[in-house]
N, C-alpha and C. Protein backbone atom coordinates (compact mmCIF):
# COMPACT_ATOMS: atom_id res chain seq x y z
N UNK A 1 -0.70 -10.53 13.02
CA UNK A 1 -0.07 -9.80 11.94
C UNK A 1 0.64 -10.78 11.02
N UNK A 2 0.53 -10.53 9.73
CA UNK A 2 1.14 -11.39 8.74
C UNK A 2 2.57 -10.93 8.48
N UNK A 3 3.54 -11.80 8.73
CA UNK A 3 4.94 -11.47 8.53
C UNK A 3 5.47 -12.03 7.22
N UNK A 4 4.58 -12.52 6.35
CA UNK A 4 5.01 -13.08 5.08
C UNK A 4 5.59 -11.96 4.22
N UNK A 5 6.71 -12.20 3.56
CA UNK A 5 7.31 -11.16 2.72
C UNK A 5 6.36 -10.72 1.60
N UNK A 6 6.50 -9.48 1.20
CA UNK A 6 5.61 -8.90 0.18
C UNK A 6 5.69 -9.69 -1.12
N UNK A 7 6.85 -10.23 -1.44
CA UNK A 7 6.99 -11.00 -2.68
C UNK A 7 6.11 -12.25 -2.65
N UNK A 8 6.03 -12.90 -1.49
CA UNK A 8 5.20 -14.09 -1.37
C UNK A 8 3.72 -13.74 -1.30
N UNK A 9 3.40 -12.63 -0.65
CA UNK A 9 2.01 -12.15 -0.64
C UNK A 9 1.56 -11.86 -2.07
N UNK A 10 2.46 -11.25 -2.85
CA UNK A 10 2.16 -10.94 -4.25
C UNK A 10 1.87 -12.23 -5.03
N UNK A 11 2.73 -13.23 -4.86
CA UNK A 11 2.51 -14.51 -5.54
C UNK A 11 1.17 -15.13 -5.15
N UNK A 12 0.85 -15.12 -3.88
CA UNK A 12 -0.42 -15.66 -3.40
C UNK A 12 -1.60 -14.92 -4.03
N UNK A 13 -1.48 -13.60 -4.10
CA UNK A 13 -2.55 -12.78 -4.65
C UNK A 13 -2.76 -13.10 -6.13
N UNK A 14 -1.66 -13.19 -6.87
CA UNK A 14 -1.76 -13.51 -8.30
C UNK A 14 -2.40 -14.88 -8.49
N UNK A 15 -1.98 -15.83 -7.71
CA UNK A 15 -2.55 -17.18 -7.81
C UNK A 15 -4.05 -17.16 -7.50
N UNK A 16 -4.44 -16.39 -6.48
CA UNK A 16 -5.86 -16.29 -6.13
C UNK A 16 -6.67 -15.68 -7.27
N UNK A 17 -6.13 -14.64 -7.88
CA UNK A 17 -6.84 -14.01 -9.00
C UNK A 17 -6.95 -14.99 -10.17
N UNK A 18 -5.86 -15.69 -10.46
CA UNK A 18 -5.90 -16.67 -11.55
C UNK A 18 -6.95 -17.75 -11.29
N UNK A 19 -6.97 -18.26 -10.06
CA UNK A 19 -7.96 -19.28 -9.71
C UNK A 19 -9.38 -18.74 -9.82
N UNK A 20 -9.58 -17.52 -9.35
CA UNK A 20 -10.90 -16.91 -9.44
C UNK A 20 -11.34 -16.73 -10.89
N UNK A 21 -10.44 -16.24 -11.72
CA UNK A 21 -10.76 -16.07 -13.14
C UNK A 21 -11.10 -17.41 -13.78
N UNK A 22 -10.30 -18.41 -13.50
CA UNK A 22 -10.51 -19.72 -14.11
C UNK A 22 -11.78 -20.41 -13.63
N UNK A 23 -12.18 -20.15 -12.40
CA UNK A 23 -13.36 -20.83 -11.85
C UNK A 23 -14.63 -19.99 -11.93
N UNK A 24 -14.54 -18.77 -12.43
CA UNK A 24 -15.69 -17.86 -12.41
C UNK A 24 -16.79 -18.24 -13.39
N UNK A 25 -16.41 -18.93 -14.45
CA UNK A 25 -17.40 -19.25 -15.48
C UNK A 25 -17.62 -18.11 -16.46
N UNK A 26 -16.95 -16.99 -16.23
CA UNK A 26 -17.09 -15.85 -17.12
C UNK A 26 -16.10 -15.97 -18.28
N UNK A 27 -16.52 -15.52 -19.46
CA UNK A 27 -15.56 -15.49 -20.56
C UNK A 27 -14.47 -14.44 -20.28
N UNK A 28 -13.29 -14.69 -20.81
CA UNK A 28 -12.16 -13.82 -20.48
C UNK A 28 -12.31 -12.40 -21.01
N UNK A 29 -13.12 -12.17 -22.05
CA UNK A 29 -13.33 -10.79 -22.49
C UNK A 29 -14.11 -10.01 -21.44
N UNK A 30 -14.98 -10.69 -20.69
CA UNK A 30 -15.72 -10.04 -19.60
C UNK A 30 -14.77 -9.78 -18.43
N UNK A 31 -13.95 -10.75 -18.11
CA UNK A 31 -12.97 -10.57 -17.04
C UNK A 31 -12.04 -9.42 -17.37
N UNK A 32 -11.62 -9.34 -18.61
CA UNK A 32 -10.75 -8.25 -19.05
C UNK A 32 -11.41 -6.89 -18.83
N UNK A 33 -12.68 -6.78 -19.20
CA UNK A 33 -13.41 -5.52 -18.98
C UNK A 33 -13.52 -5.18 -17.50
N UNK A 34 -13.75 -6.19 -16.68
CA UNK A 34 -13.85 -5.96 -15.23
C UNK A 34 -12.52 -5.46 -14.68
N UNK A 35 -11.42 -6.09 -15.10
CA UNK A 35 -10.11 -5.67 -14.62
C UNK A 35 -9.75 -4.26 -15.11
N UNK A 36 -10.13 -3.93 -16.34
CA UNK A 36 -9.90 -2.57 -16.85
C UNK A 36 -10.67 -1.55 -16.02
N UNK A 37 -11.86 -1.91 -15.58
CA UNK A 37 -12.67 -1.03 -14.74
C UNK A 37 -12.05 -0.91 -13.35
N UNK A 38 -11.49 -2.01 -12.86
CA UNK A 38 -10.97 -2.06 -11.50
C UNK A 38 -9.64 -1.33 -11.34
N UNK A 39 -8.79 -1.38 -12.34
CA UNK A 39 -7.44 -0.81 -12.22
C UNK A 39 -7.43 0.66 -11.84
N UNK A 40 -8.23 1.53 -12.46
CA UNK A 40 -8.21 2.94 -12.02
C UNK A 40 -8.64 3.13 -10.57
N UNK A 41 -9.55 2.29 -10.11
CA UNK A 41 -9.98 2.38 -8.71
C UNK A 41 -8.85 1.98 -7.78
N UNK A 42 -8.13 0.92 -8.12
CA UNK A 42 -7.00 0.48 -7.32
C UNK A 42 -5.91 1.55 -7.33
N UNK A 43 -5.66 2.13 -8.50
CA UNK A 43 -4.67 3.21 -8.60
C UNK A 43 -5.01 4.39 -7.70
N UNK A 44 -6.28 4.75 -7.65
CA UNK A 44 -6.71 5.88 -6.82
C UNK A 44 -6.52 5.58 -5.33
N UNK A 45 -6.89 4.39 -4.92
CA UNK A 45 -6.71 4.01 -3.52
C UNK A 45 -5.21 3.99 -3.18
N UNK A 46 -4.40 3.46 -4.08
CA UNK A 46 -2.95 3.42 -3.85
C UNK A 46 -2.38 4.83 -3.74
N UNK A 47 -2.85 5.75 -4.59
CA UNK A 47 -2.39 7.13 -4.54
C UNK A 47 -2.74 7.77 -3.20
N UNK A 48 -3.96 7.56 -2.74
CA UNK A 48 -4.39 8.11 -1.46
C UNK A 48 -3.61 7.50 -0.30
N UNK A 49 -3.34 6.21 -0.38
CA UNK A 49 -2.58 5.54 0.65
C UNK A 49 -1.15 6.10 0.71
N UNK A 50 -0.57 6.35 -0.45
CA UNK A 50 0.78 6.93 -0.50
C UNK A 50 0.79 8.34 0.09
N UNK A 51 -0.21 9.13 -0.24
CA UNK A 51 -0.30 10.49 0.32
C UNK A 51 -0.42 10.44 1.85
N UNK A 52 -1.23 9.53 2.34
CA UNK A 52 -1.41 9.39 3.79
C UNK A 52 -0.10 8.96 4.45
N UNK A 53 0.56 7.96 3.85
CA UNK A 53 1.84 7.49 4.40
C UNK A 53 2.87 8.61 4.41
N UNK A 54 2.90 9.41 3.34
CA UNK A 54 3.85 10.52 3.27
C UNK A 54 3.57 11.54 4.37
N UNK A 55 2.31 11.84 4.61
CA UNK A 55 1.94 12.81 5.64
C UNK A 55 2.30 12.28 7.04
N UNK A 56 2.01 11.02 7.29
CA UNK A 56 2.33 10.41 8.59
C UNK A 56 3.84 10.40 8.79
N UNK A 57 4.59 10.01 7.78
CA UNK A 57 6.04 9.95 7.87
C UNK A 57 6.62 11.34 8.10
N UNK A 58 6.13 12.33 7.38
CA UNK A 58 6.61 13.70 7.54
C UNK A 58 6.34 14.20 8.96
N UNK A 59 5.17 13.89 9.48
CA UNK A 59 4.84 14.30 10.85
C UNK A 59 5.77 13.63 11.85
N UNK A 60 6.09 12.36 11.63
CA UNK A 60 7.01 11.65 12.52
C UNK A 60 8.40 12.28 12.48
N UNK A 61 8.85 12.64 11.31
CA UNK A 61 10.16 13.29 11.16
C UNK A 61 10.16 14.62 11.91
N UNK A 62 9.09 15.38 11.76
CA UNK A 62 8.99 16.67 12.46
C UNK A 62 9.02 16.48 13.97
N UNK A 63 8.29 15.48 14.47
CA UNK A 63 8.30 15.20 15.91
C UNK A 63 9.70 14.84 16.39
N UNK A 64 10.40 14.04 15.61
CA UNK A 64 11.76 13.66 15.98
C UNK A 64 12.68 14.89 16.00
N UNK A 65 12.53 15.76 15.02
CA UNK A 65 13.34 16.99 14.98
C UNK A 65 13.06 17.86 16.20
N UNK A 66 11.78 17.98 16.54
CA UNK A 66 11.39 18.78 17.71
C UNK A 66 11.98 18.17 18.99
N UNK A 67 11.96 16.85 19.10
CA UNK A 67 12.54 16.19 20.27
C UNK A 67 14.04 16.48 20.36
N UNK A 68 14.72 16.41 19.23
CA UNK A 68 16.16 16.67 19.20
C UNK A 68 16.45 18.11 19.62
N UNK A 69 15.67 19.05 19.11
CA UNK A 69 15.86 20.45 19.45
C UNK A 69 15.63 20.66 20.95
N UNK A 70 14.57 20.09 21.48
CA UNK A 70 14.28 20.23 22.92
C UNK A 70 15.39 19.60 23.75
N UNK A 71 15.89 18.44 23.28
CA UNK A 71 16.97 17.77 24.01
C UNK A 71 18.24 18.62 23.98
N UNK A 72 18.52 19.24 22.84
CA UNK A 72 19.71 20.09 22.73
C UNK A 72 19.57 21.33 23.61
N UNK A 73 18.36 21.87 23.68
CA UNK A 73 18.14 23.03 24.53
C UNK A 73 18.27 22.66 26.00
N UNK A 74 17.84 21.45 26.32
CA UNK A 74 17.88 20.96 27.70
C UNK A 74 19.32 20.61 28.11
N UNK A 75 20.05 19.96 27.21
CA UNK A 75 21.42 19.53 27.50
C UNK A 75 22.38 20.09 26.45
N UNK A 76 22.70 21.37 26.49
CA UNK A 76 23.62 21.92 25.49
C UNK A 76 25.01 21.32 25.67
N UNK A 77 25.75 21.33 24.59
CA UNK A 77 27.12 20.79 24.63
C UNK A 77 27.90 21.59 25.59
């Protein structure tokens, strides 16, 4: 597992993209079109990932609440 902070991962990613663009041999107007095409796809994946994370987190909260309720029923004050 990678424990590198997100800020450093971001820097690495940006540097990788810059290097790829510079070494691709493609003119930058083509790279620009490719990135414009790619951004909506990345946005959609990010939206789905956020929805999934929200659902998982909500389920975890519900499980914790249920545990607390069962514990309170088992050991009332």
